[in-house]
Protein backbone atom coordinates (compact mmCIF):
# COMPACT_ATOMS: atom_id res chain seq x y z
CA MET A 1 6.31 55.85 69.99
CA LYS A 2 6.74 59.03 68.03
CA ILE A 3 10.25 59.80 69.32
CA LYS A 4 11.53 56.41 68.15
CA ASP A 5 10.25 57.14 64.64
CA GLU A 6 11.94 60.56 64.46
CA TYR A 7 15.34 59.94 66.07
CA ASN A 8 18.15 57.38 65.79
CA PRO A 9 18.23 54.65 68.46
CA SER A 10 21.42 56.14 69.91
CA VAL A 11 19.44 59.25 70.94
CA TYR A 12 16.80 57.49 73.04
CA LEU A 13 18.98 54.60 74.28
CA ILE A 14 21.96 56.61 75.58
CA ARG A 15 21.06 58.95 78.44
CA GLU A 16 23.72 61.55 77.68
CA ARG A 17 22.67 61.78 74.04
CA MET A 18 19.01 62.01 75.07
CA GLN A 19 19.76 64.87 77.45
CA LYS A 20 21.85 66.72 74.86
CA THR A 21 19.48 66.19 71.89
CA LEU A 22 16.03 66.16 73.48
CA GLY A 23 16.72 68.11 76.68
CA PHE A 24 15.40 65.48 79.10
CA ILE A 25 16.10 62.10 80.66
CA VAL A 26 13.45 59.42 81.20
CA ARG A 27 12.97 58.08 84.73
CA ARG A 28 10.67 55.11 85.38
CA HIS A 29 9.04 54.62 88.78
CA GLN A 30 7.10 51.72 90.31
CA GLU A 31 4.94 52.05 93.40
CA TRP A 32 3.37 49.08 95.18
CA ILE A 33 -0.35 49.57 95.84
CA ASP A 34 -1.68 47.28 98.57
CA ARG A 35 -5.26 46.21 97.91
CA SER A 36 -5.93 43.61 100.61
CA GLN A 37 -9.67 42.99 100.95
CA THR A 38 -9.90 42.21 104.65
CA PRO A 39 -7.40 42.59 107.50
CA GLY A 40 -5.46 39.36 108.06
CA ASP A 41 -6.29 38.01 104.62
CA ASP A 42 -3.47 35.88 103.17
CA LEU A 43 -4.27 36.74 99.57
CA ASP A 44 -1.94 39.30 98.08
CA LEU A 45 -4.12 41.49 95.88
CA GLY A 46 -1.71 44.36 95.36
CA TYR A 47 -0.24 45.64 92.13
CA TYR A 48 2.51 47.88 90.83
CA LEU A 49 1.56 51.31 89.57
CA GLU A 50 4.11 52.22 86.91
CA SER A 51 4.77 55.80 85.86
CA VAL A 52 7.26 57.57 83.63
CA HIS A 53 8.80 60.91 84.57
CA LEU A 54 10.70 63.25 82.25
CA ASP A 55 13.46 65.25 83.93
CA PHE A 56 14.04 68.33 81.75
CA TYR A 57 17.38 70.16 81.75
CA ASP A 58 16.71 72.79 79.09
CA ASP A 59 13.71 75.16 79.24
CA THR A 60 13.73 75.85 75.50
CA LYS A 61 13.69 72.14 74.65
CA LYS A 62 10.97 71.56 77.26
CA THR A 63 8.76 74.18 75.60
CA TRP A 64 9.44 72.67 72.16
CA PHE A 65 8.59 69.18 73.49
CA LEU A 66 5.31 70.40 74.99
CA LEU A 67 4.30 72.13 71.76
CA LYS A 68 5.31 69.22 69.53
CA TYR A 69 3.76 66.40 71.58
CA SER A 70 0.82 68.16 73.24
CA ASP A 71 -1.68 66.06 71.28
CA ILE A 72 -0.22 62.86 72.78
CA ILE A 73 0.05 64.32 76.28
CA ASN A 74 -3.56 65.53 76.27
CA SER A 75 -4.96 62.26 74.88
CA ASP A 76 -4.60 60.49 78.25
């Protein structure tokens, strides 16, 4: 991860330092997706869909983040 290479561990491991230095806090979310094949089937074929959300608190730092990491964001 590019942020881990550029900043000390205390920046990305401590939420308050992350918010102050980078301008955002990371929030992880899991959503259960039910994929049962037929009604009444006992097999559990669901899975968790994991996503990461960035909650920005500073518009200037958000703009800087988007400019700096746009190549990674657009690669997905």
